[in-house]
Protein backbone atom coordinates (compact mmCIF):
# COMPACT_ATOMS: atom_id res chain seq x y z
CA MET A 1 114.92 -18.98 226.93
CA VAL A 2 117.49 -16.54 227.94
CA ARG A 3 115.83 -12.99 228.49
CA ALA A 4 118.16 -9.84 228.35
CA ASN A 5 119.09 -8.53 232.01
CA LEU A 6 117.87 -5.00 231.65
CA LYS A 7 117.14 -2.92 234.61
CA LYS A 8 114.13 -0.62 235.25
CA PRO A 9 115.17 3.00 235.54
CA SER A 10 115.74 4.24 239.13
CA VAL A 11 113.29 6.66 240.89
CA VAL A 12 115.81 9.45 240.03
CA GLU A 13 116.05 8.49 236.43
CA MET A 14 112.21 8.33 236.11
CA LYS A 15 111.87 11.66 237.42
CA GLU A 16 114.22 13.07 234.76
CA VAL A 17 112.29 10.98 232.14
CA ILE A 18 108.96 12.25 233.43
CA ALA A 19 110.04 16.00 233.27
CA ILE A 20 111.33 15.16 229.77
CA SER A 21 107.77 13.95 228.87
CA GLU A 22 106.28 16.91 230.20
CA LYS A 23 108.28 19.05 227.83
CA MET A 24 107.66 16.74 224.89
CA ARG A 25 103.70 17.24 225.79
CA ARG A 26 104.12 21.12 225.80
CA ILE A 27 105.83 20.97 222.48
CA GLU A 28 103.18 19.04 220.95
CA ALA A 29 100.46 21.47 222.55
CA ASP A 30 102.19 24.34 220.79
CA LEU A 31 102.58 22.66 217.49
CA ASN A 32 98.95 21.76 217.67
CA ASP A 33 98.04 25.48 218.16
CA ILE A 34 100.47 26.72 215.51
CA PHE A 35 99.39 23.84 212.93
CA PRO A 36 95.82 23.36 213.14
CA GLU A 37 94.11 20.04 211.90
CA ARG A 38 97.56 18.14 212.08
CA GLU A 39 96.95 16.57 215.58
CA PHE A 40 97.23 13.10 214.33
CA LEU A 41 100.40 13.65 212.41
CA ILE A 42 102.00 15.64 215.16
CA ARG A 43 101.42 13.05 217.84
CA GLN A 44 102.81 10.50 215.22
CA ILE A 45 106.07 12.45 214.87
CA ILE A 46 106.31 12.57 218.73
CA MET A 47 105.84 9.00 219.00
CA ALA A 48 108.32 8.52 216.16
CA LEU A 49 110.89 10.60 218.27
CA LEU A 50 110.34 8.47 221.49
CA THR A 51 110.57 5.27 219.60
CA LYS A 52 113.65 6.31 217.50
CA GLU A 53 111.57 5.31 214.28
CA HIS A 54 110.61 7.09 211.01
CA ILE A 55 107.50 8.51 209.28
CA MET A 56 106.40 9.04 205.88
CA VAL A 57 104.22 12.04 205.27
CA TYR A 58 102.15 12.30 202.24
CA GLY A 59 99.47 14.35 200.67
CA GLU A 60 99.04 17.19 198.17
CA TYR A 61 101.58 19.85 197.56
CA GLY A 62 101.39 23.02 199.78
CA THR A 63 100.28 21.41 202.86
CA ALA A 64 103.35 22.55 205.22
CA LYS A 65 104.50 19.08 205.51
CA SER A 66 108.27 20.41 205.37
CA ASP A 67 107.24 23.57 207.35
CA LEU A 68 106.07 21.45 210.32
CA THR A 69 108.96 18.85 210.18
CA ARG A 70 111.37 21.77 210.34
CA THR A 71 109.70 23.71 212.98
CA LEU A 72 109.41 20.32 215.03
CA PHE A 73 113.17 19.73 214.45
CA GLU A 74 114.05 23.39 215.60
CA THR A 75 112.62 22.56 219.04
CA ILE A 76 115.58 19.93 219.66
CA THR A 77 118.49 22.08 220.64
CA ASP A 78 122.00 20.80 219.39
CA GLY A 79 120.50 18.30 217.05
CA GLU A 80 122.31 17.94 213.68
CA VAL A 81 119.77 18.04 210.75
CA PHE A 82 120.48 16.95 207.36
CA SER A 83 117.75 17.83 204.71
CA ILE A 84 117.64 17.09 201.04
CA ALA A 85 114.98 16.72 198.15
CA LEU A 86 115.48 13.73 196.30
CA THR A 87 115.46 12.87 192.30
CA LYS A 88 115.91 9.93 190.19
CA PHE A 89 119.06 11.13 188.86
CA MET A 90 120.80 11.62 192.34
CA ALA A 91 123.89 9.83 192.96
CA GLU A 92 124.85 8.39 196.54
CA SER A 93 127.50 11.20 197.10
CA SER A 94 124.72 13.68 197.23
CA PHE A 95 123.58 12.44 200.67
CA ILE A 96 126.62 10.10 201.85
CA GLY A 97 129.53 12.27 201.07
CA ILE A 98 131.98 12.88 198.16
CA PRO A 99 134.49 9.89 197.30
CA ASN A 100 137.80 10.19 198.53
CA PRO A 101 139.90 10.80 195.21
CA LYS A 102 143.35 9.94 196.89
CA ILE A 103 142.11 6.14 197.73
CA MET A 104 140.43 5.86 194.45
CA ALA A 105 143.68 7.03 192.71
CA GLU A 106 146.00 4.89 194.84
CA GLU A 107 143.82 1.59 195.65
CA GLY A 108 141.36 1.96 192.85
CA ARG A 109 138.39 1.48 195.27
CA LEU A 110 135.50 3.73 196.22
CA GLU A 111 135.52 5.12 199.72
CA TYR A 112 133.24 8.10 200.91
CA ASP A 113 134.05 10.96 202.88
CA VAL A 114 131.19 10.70 205.23
CA ASN A 115 131.79 13.79 207.45
CA SER A 116 129.19 16.02 206.10
CA GLY A 117 126.22 13.72 204.98
CA ILE A 118 123.49 11.87 206.28
CA LEU A 119 125.56 9.64 208.40
CA VAL A 120 126.40 12.38 210.71
CA ALA A 121 122.88 13.68 211.14
CA ASP A 122 120.70 13.19 214.21
CA PHE A 123 117.64 13.95 212.41
CA VAL A 124 116.78 13.75 208.70
CA GLU A 125 114.33 15.26 206.35
CA LEU A 126 113.89 13.26 202.87
CA ASP A 127 111.87 15.48 200.49
CA GLU A 128 110.06 13.71 197.60
CA PHE A 129 111.01 10.37 198.64
CA LEU A 130 109.14 8.46 195.93
CA ASP A 131 111.06 10.41 193.37
CA ALA A 132 114.56 8.64 194.49
CA SER A 133 115.71 5.88 192.21
CA ASP A 134 115.50 2.29 193.00
CA PRO A 135 119.13 2.15 194.06
CA THR A 136 118.86 5.05 196.20
CA GLN A 137 115.75 3.73 197.87
CA ARG A 138 117.76 0.53 198.72
CA THR A 139 120.68 2.55 199.97
CA PHE A 140 118.41 3.96 202.65
CA LEU A 141 117.18 0.37 203.89
CA GLY A 142 120.38 -0.10 206.02
CA ILE A 143 120.57 3.52 207.08
CA LEU A 144 116.97 3.84 208.25
CA ASN A 145 116.66 0.14 209.88
CA GLU A 146 120.28 -0.87 210.94
CA ARG A 147 121.86 2.62 211.01
CA VAL A 148 124.62 1.27 208.82
CA PHE A 149 125.88 2.10 205.39
CA LYS A 150 127.96 -0.60 203.74
CA ARG A 151 129.96 -0.38 200.41
CA GLY A 152 132.47 -2.80 199.68
CA ARG A 153 135.13 -2.72 202.55
CA GLN A 154 133.53 0.50 203.79
CA THR A 155 131.27 0.27 206.91
CA GLU A 156 130.01 3.33 208.36
CA LEU A 157 127.58 3.75 211.57
CA ALA A 158 124.88 6.31 211.19
CA ARG A 159 123.80 8.68 214.09
CA LEU A 160 120.29 8.75 212.67
CA HIS A 161 117.65 9.19 215.52
CA THR A 162 114.55 9.61 213.32
CA ALA A 163 113.89 10.36 209.69
CA VAL A 164 110.83 12.06 208.26
CA ALA A 165 110.18 11.42 204.57
CA SER A 166 107.78 13.29 202.53
CA THR A 167 106.05 13.04 199.04
CA ASN A 168 103.35 14.72 197.05
CA GLY A 169 102.46 11.16 195.82
CA ASN A 170 100.68 8.22 197.12
CA PRO A 171 102.65 5.49 198.84
CA ARG A 172 99.83 3.07 198.31
CA GLU A 173 99.69 3.63 194.56
CA ALA A 174 103.58 3.36 194.36
CA LEU A 175 103.56 0.01 196.20
CA ALA A 176 100.75 -1.07 193.92
CA ASN A 177 102.85 -0.65 190.88
CA LYS A 178 106.23 -1.69 192.42
CA ASP A 179 106.20 -4.62 194.92
CA ASP A 180 110.07 -4.24 195.85
CA LEU A 181 109.09 -0.86 196.88
CA GLY A 182 107.58 -2.70 200.12
CA ALA A 183 110.72 -3.42 201.95
CA VAL A 184 111.61 0.25 201.78
CA LEU A 185 108.43 1.60 202.94
CA ASP A 186 108.18 -0.92 205.66
CA ARG A 187 111.07 0.89 207.30
CA PHE A 188 108.69 3.75 208.16
CA LEU A 189 106.89 2.64 210.96
CA TYR A 190 104.50 5.67 210.56
CA TRP A 191 102.56 6.94 207.50
CA SER A 192 100.43 10.16 207.62
CA HIS A 193 98.34 11.73 205.09
CA VAL A 194 97.74 15.43 205.33
CA GLY A 195 95.21 17.50 203.19
CA TYR A 196 94.35 21.11 202.96
CA LEU A 197 92.73 22.85 206.09
CA LYS A 198 88.98 22.66 206.05
CA GLU A 199 87.91 24.86 209.09
CA PRO A 200 88.05 28.70 208.79
CA GLU A 201 89.41 28.86 212.32
CA SER A 202 92.20 26.71 211.13
CA ARG A 203 93.08 28.76 208.04
CA LEU A 204 92.93 32.09 210.09
CA LYS A 205 95.80 30.26 212.59
CA MET A 206 97.56 29.30 209.33
CA TYR A 207 97.64 33.30 208.30
CA ALA A 208 98.81 34.12 211.73
CA LYS A 209 101.82 31.56 211.73
CA TYR A 210 102.56 32.65 208.13
CA LEU A 211 102.75 36.28 209.10
CA SER A 212 104.06 36.08 212.55
CA GLY A 213 106.55 32.99 212.16
CA SER A 214 105.27 31.48 215.46
CA LYS A 215 107.44 28.92 216.86
CA PRO A 216 106.84 26.62 219.91
CA ALA A 217 108.02 28.18 223.19
CA GLU A 218 109.28 24.68 224.85
CA THR A 219 112.55 23.02 223.66
CA VAL A 220 114.21 19.82 224.42
CA SER A 221 117.89 18.93 224.21
CA LEU A 222 119.20 15.94 221.95
CA ALA A 223 120.63 14.53 225.44
CA GLU A 224 117.21 14.62 227.00
CA LEU A 225 115.55 13.17 223.77
CA GLN A 226 118.19 10.43 223.72
CA LYS A 227 117.45 9.81 227.42
CA ILE A 228 113.83 9.24 226.95
CA SER A 229 113.92 7.06 223.99
CA LYS A 230 116.51 5.02 225.56
CA VAL A 231 113.85 4.09 228.13
CA VAL A 232 111.26 3.42 225.45
CA VAL A 233 113.29 1.14 223.29
CA ASN A 234 114.81 -0.62 226.26
CA PRO A 235 112.79 -4.17 225.92
CA CYS A 236 111.98 -4.64 229.39
CA GLN A 237 109.22 -2.11 229.98
CA ILE A 238 106.34 -4.59 229.00
CA THR A 239 106.46 -7.50 231.68
CA ASP A 240 102.77 -8.58 231.49
CA PRO A 241 102.15 -11.42 229.15
CA GLU A 242 98.57 -10.61 229.24
CA ILE A 243 99.20 -7.17 227.58
CA ILE A 244 101.21 -9.03 224.69
CA GLU A 245 98.13 -11.38 224.36
CA VAL A 246 95.74 -8.65 224.16
CA TYR A 247 97.98 -6.68 221.77
CA ASP A 248 98.23 -9.64 219.33
CA MET A 249 94.32 -9.84 219.43
CA VAL A 250 94.16 -6.26 218.42
CA ILE A 251 96.80 -6.39 215.74
CA GLU A 252 95.11 -8.98 214.02
CA ALA A 253 91.69 -7.47 214.43
CA VAL A 254 92.75 -4.30 212.66
CA ALA A 255 95.28 -5.57 210.26
CA GLU A 256 93.04 -5.33 207.40
CA HIS A 257 92.48 -1.58 208.02
CA SER A 258 96.24 -0.92 207.88
CA LEU A 259 98.24 1.00 205.32
CA ASP A 260 98.57 -1.67 202.86
CA GLY A 261 95.97 -4.02 204.20
CA LYS A 262 98.40 -6.22 206.02
CA VAL A 263 100.91 -6.14 208.95
CA SER A 264 104.34 -7.82 208.49
CA ASP A 265 105.79 -9.84 211.37
CA ARG A 266 108.53 -7.02 211.45
CA ARG A 267 106.09 -4.34 211.94
CA LYS A 268 104.11 -6.26 214.62
CA CYS A 269 107.11 -6.41 216.71
CA LYS A 270 107.99 -2.99 216.28
CA LEU A 271 104.62 -1.62 216.92
CA THR A 272 105.01 -3.02 220.47
CA THR A 273 107.25 0.10 221.22
CA LEU A 274 104.36 2.34 220.67
CA LEU A 275 102.71 0.88 224.04
CA GLU A 276 105.99 1.79 225.71
CA ALA A 277 106.21 5.07 224.11
CA ASN A 278 102.64 5.78 225.11
CA ALA A 279 103.07 4.97 228.83
CA ILE A 280 106.49 7.04 228.93
CA TYR A 281 104.80 10.01 227.10
CA HIS A 282 101.96 10.11 229.95
CA GLY A 283 104.61 10.17 232.59
CA ARG A 284 104.77 6.43 233.84
CA TYR A 285 106.83 3.51 233.30
CA GLU A 286 104.07 0.91 233.62
CA VAL A 287 102.38 -0.27 230.33
CA TYR A 288 98.61 -0.84 230.84
CA LEU A 289 96.16 -2.25 228.62
CA ASP A 290 94.83 0.91 227.45
CA ASP A 291 98.27 1.86 226.10
CA ILE A 292 97.52 -0.60 223.51
CA ALA A 293 95.19 1.70 221.72
CA ALA A 294 98.37 3.75 220.50
CA VAL A 295 99.01 1.36 217.96
CA ARG A 296 96.43 3.36 216.01
CA TYR A 297 99.45 5.68 215.03
CA GLY A 298 101.30 3.00 213.55
CA ILE A 299 98.37 1.26 211.87
CA LEU A 300 96.55 4.36 210.30
CA ASP A 301 97.66 7.26 208.16
CA ASN A 302 94.55 9.45 208.97
CA SER A 303 93.69 9.43 205.43
CA ASP A 304 89.95 8.37 206.47
CA PRO A 305 88.54 9.92 209.75
CA ASP A 306 85.78 7.28 209.41
CA LYS A 307 88.30 4.36 209.28
CA VAL A 308 90.12 6.07 212.44
CA ALA A 309 86.86 5.99 214.23
CA HIS A 310 86.10 2.50 213.35
CA VAL A 311 89.34 1.24 214.31
CA ASP A 312 89.36 2.92 217.52
CA GLU A 313 86.07 1.41 218.29
CA ILE A 314 87.41 -2.07 217.56
CA ILE A 315 90.50 -1.56 219.78
CA ALA A 316 88.39 -0.22 222.72
CA ASN A 317 85.89 -3.37 222.42
CA ILE A 318 88.69 -5.73 222.62
CA ILE A 319 90.43 -4.04 225.56
CA GLU A 320 87.11 -3.54 227.61
CA THR A 321 85.91 -7.14 227.01
CA TYR A 322 89.23 -8.48 228.03
CA LYS A 323 88.98 -6.36 231.14
CA VAL A 324 85.79 -7.53 231.99
CA GLU A 325 86.71 -11.37 231.51
CA ARG A 326 89.84 -10.76 233.68
CA ALA A 327 88.15 -8.84 236.34
CA LYS A 328 85.98 -12.11 236.98
CA SER A 329 89.00 -14.12 237.45
CA ASN A 330 91.63 -11.85 238.83
CA PRO A 331 90.39 -8.63 240.68
CA ASP A 332 93.83 -7.29 241.57
CA ASP A 333 94.48 -7.03 237.81
CA ALA A 334 91.25 -5.21 237.63
CA TYR A 335 92.40 -2.68 240.31
CA LEU A 336 95.84 -2.07 238.64
CA ASP A 337 93.93 -0.89 235.54
CA LEU A 338 91.65 1.25 237.86
CA LEU A 339 94.64 2.71 239.72
CA GLY A 340 96.25 3.44 236.37
CA LYS A 341 93.50 5.57 235.20
CA TYR A 342 93.55 7.55 238.77
CA ASP A 343 97.21 7.87 238.31
CA GLU A 344 96.77 9.48 235.01
CA GLU A 345 94.28 11.91 236.30
CA VAL A 346 96.58 12.83 239.21
CA GLN A 347 99.44 13.31 236.64
CA ALA A 348 97.30 15.45 234.28
CA VAL A 349 96.66 17.81 237.12
CA LEU A 350 100.38 18.09 237.69
CA ASN A 351 100.97 18.68 234.15
CA ASN A 352 98.20 21.44 233.82
CA GLY A 353 100.14 24.13 235.43
CA PHE A 354 98.95 23.29 238.95
CA ASP A 355 101.17 25.67 240.76
CA GLN A 356 100.02 28.59 238.70
CA MET A 357 96.33 27.90 238.70
CA PRO A 358 93.82 30.68 239.55
CA PHE A 359 92.55 30.10 243.06
CA ASP A 360 88.96 29.59 242.26
CA GLU A 361 90.08 26.83 239.78
CA LEU A 362 92.41 25.52 242.17
CA SER A 363 89.76 24.89 244.57
CA ASN A 364 87.76 22.79 242.20
CA VAL A 365 90.96 20.76 241.41
CA VAL A 366 91.77 20.16 245.04
CA ALA A 367 88.13 18.83 245.38
CA ASP A 368 88.58 16.53 242.54
CA LEU A 369 91.95 15.38 244.11
CA GLN A 370 90.26 14.53 247.20
CA GLU A 371 87.46 12.48 245.40
CA ILE A 372 90.15 10.40 243.72
CA ARG A 373 91.86 9.79 247.13
CA SER A 374 88.54 8.60 248.39
CA LYS A 375 88.20 6.22 245.65
CA VAL A 376 91.74 4.85 245.90
CA GLU A 377 91.41 4.24 249.48
CA ASN A 378 88.34 2.10 248.90
CA ILE A 379 90.47 -0.17 246.82
CA THR A 380 91.53 -3.34 248.93
CA PRO A 381 94.50 -4.66 247.06
CA GLY A 382 95.99 -8.45 247.36
CA LEU A 383 99.06 -8.19 245.58
CA PRO A 384 102.07 -6.20 246.71
CA LYS A 385 102.19 -4.32 243.38
CA VAL A 386 98.76 -3.22 243.65
CA GLN A 387 99.48 -2.04 247.26
CA GLU A 388 102.65 -0.16 246.13
CA LYS A 389 100.57 1.68 243.18
CA ARG A 390 97.83 2.52 245.73
CA MET A 391 100.01 4.08 248.30
CA GLN A 392 102.09 6.02 245.43
CA ILE A 393 98.79 7.67 244.27
CA LEU A 394 97.89 8.71 247.95
CA SER A 395 101.17 10.07 248.35
CA ASP A 396 101.22 12.12 245.14
CA VAL A 397 97.51 13.32 246.06
CA ASP A 398 98.60 14.37 249.55
CA ALA A 399 101.71 16.23 248.18
CA LEU A 400 99.59 18.12 245.67
CA VAL A 401 97.00 18.95 248.37
CA GLU A 402 99.68 20.27 250.75
CA ARG A 403 101.11 22.46 247.86
CA ALA A 404 97.71 23.84 247.37
CA ILE A 405 97.21 24.65 251.11
CA ALA A 406 100.57 26.36 251.17
CA ARG A 407 99.42 28.78 248.21
CA PHE A 408 96.29 29.59 249.89
CA THR A 409 98.09 30.28 253.14
CA GLN A 410 100.69 32.39 251.69
CA SER A 411 98.03 34.33 249.79
CA ASN A 412 95.50 34.54 252.81
CA GLN A 413 92.85 32.77 250.72
CA ARG A 414 90.14 30.88 252.09
CA VAL A 415 89.40 27.35 250.90
CA THR A 416 87.74 24.28 252.42
CA ILE A 417 89.99 21.24 252.09
């Protein structure tokens, strides 16, 4: 078997990617504050952007599906957005472009002018997707998956990064009544159900958003989004075959709880990008066993909180059982998992406004960092990759502590470190 010879990003490239991931997390935090009770959907859209995939959002009318989508797209500067409400009587020219009359008159064939339609958009909003006719839905097959539109001798590439389709209908019911719809809906790696807000506090936030027109403070450029998603979809991030082994165990265990009670082979392959996206989203290139839990966003649609909790428990049990068995035979792998958790704790400190923390809070954080350092020092690695990870965490902790000391010194504050 010949594997693609793809390179891991350089240290400089990864620093840029990590900085972009920090922006994505701030955008998500802002959106969660503006759109309460939409955490699952918002994370799904963020994952869709990172993986260059598409999402189907469904639920009752008036649940701000389109508002959330537009607000998120507005956080991406210089990206071209195409939005359309689909109907059963809509022709291809409504979203592809008008036919060229000169070519039709002189050559007797249909060729679309694609300079103003869906093919030149980076982001697409397809409202009332289930209302589209069968031919229209089939047209989207190639555009969503291969990013190609073909009609006769005309072949056009689509710039499409991510599409968000919405509907007030229920895709499951539509699929039950029309089997051939499955191929189209399978192009949406993520499905999400939204309902009306339940909590009084959430409704107060909704009113505040409506009255003030709140928007996220953070933005990300199209070039930055393309840079980070390029790393995610680069098929060389998962190098540990054991991760794929556990991933397969998880997928098979939760398949019956998925959107339509099964997971196609195509989706099984596509969902691996969620592991990669989850790692990058948390500021690291390495994919750990715990990243497998991110498949919840491609398996579930959040229509049933009890099902979400049950699937989460299934996934956690499989991962933890495997870790215990693996630790018995290979302690270095267990060390890597442990170091991965410590690394995430350190990165979380950095991402939570470390340099702007109040001094009393900063003192507690420094104490936590010193405790992490002590635990990392007690790990005795065997493999070089474990030693490398151990030294990286120790270096990161020391750098943060030095920055804290500098702040205390400049402000003449007392602290015991």
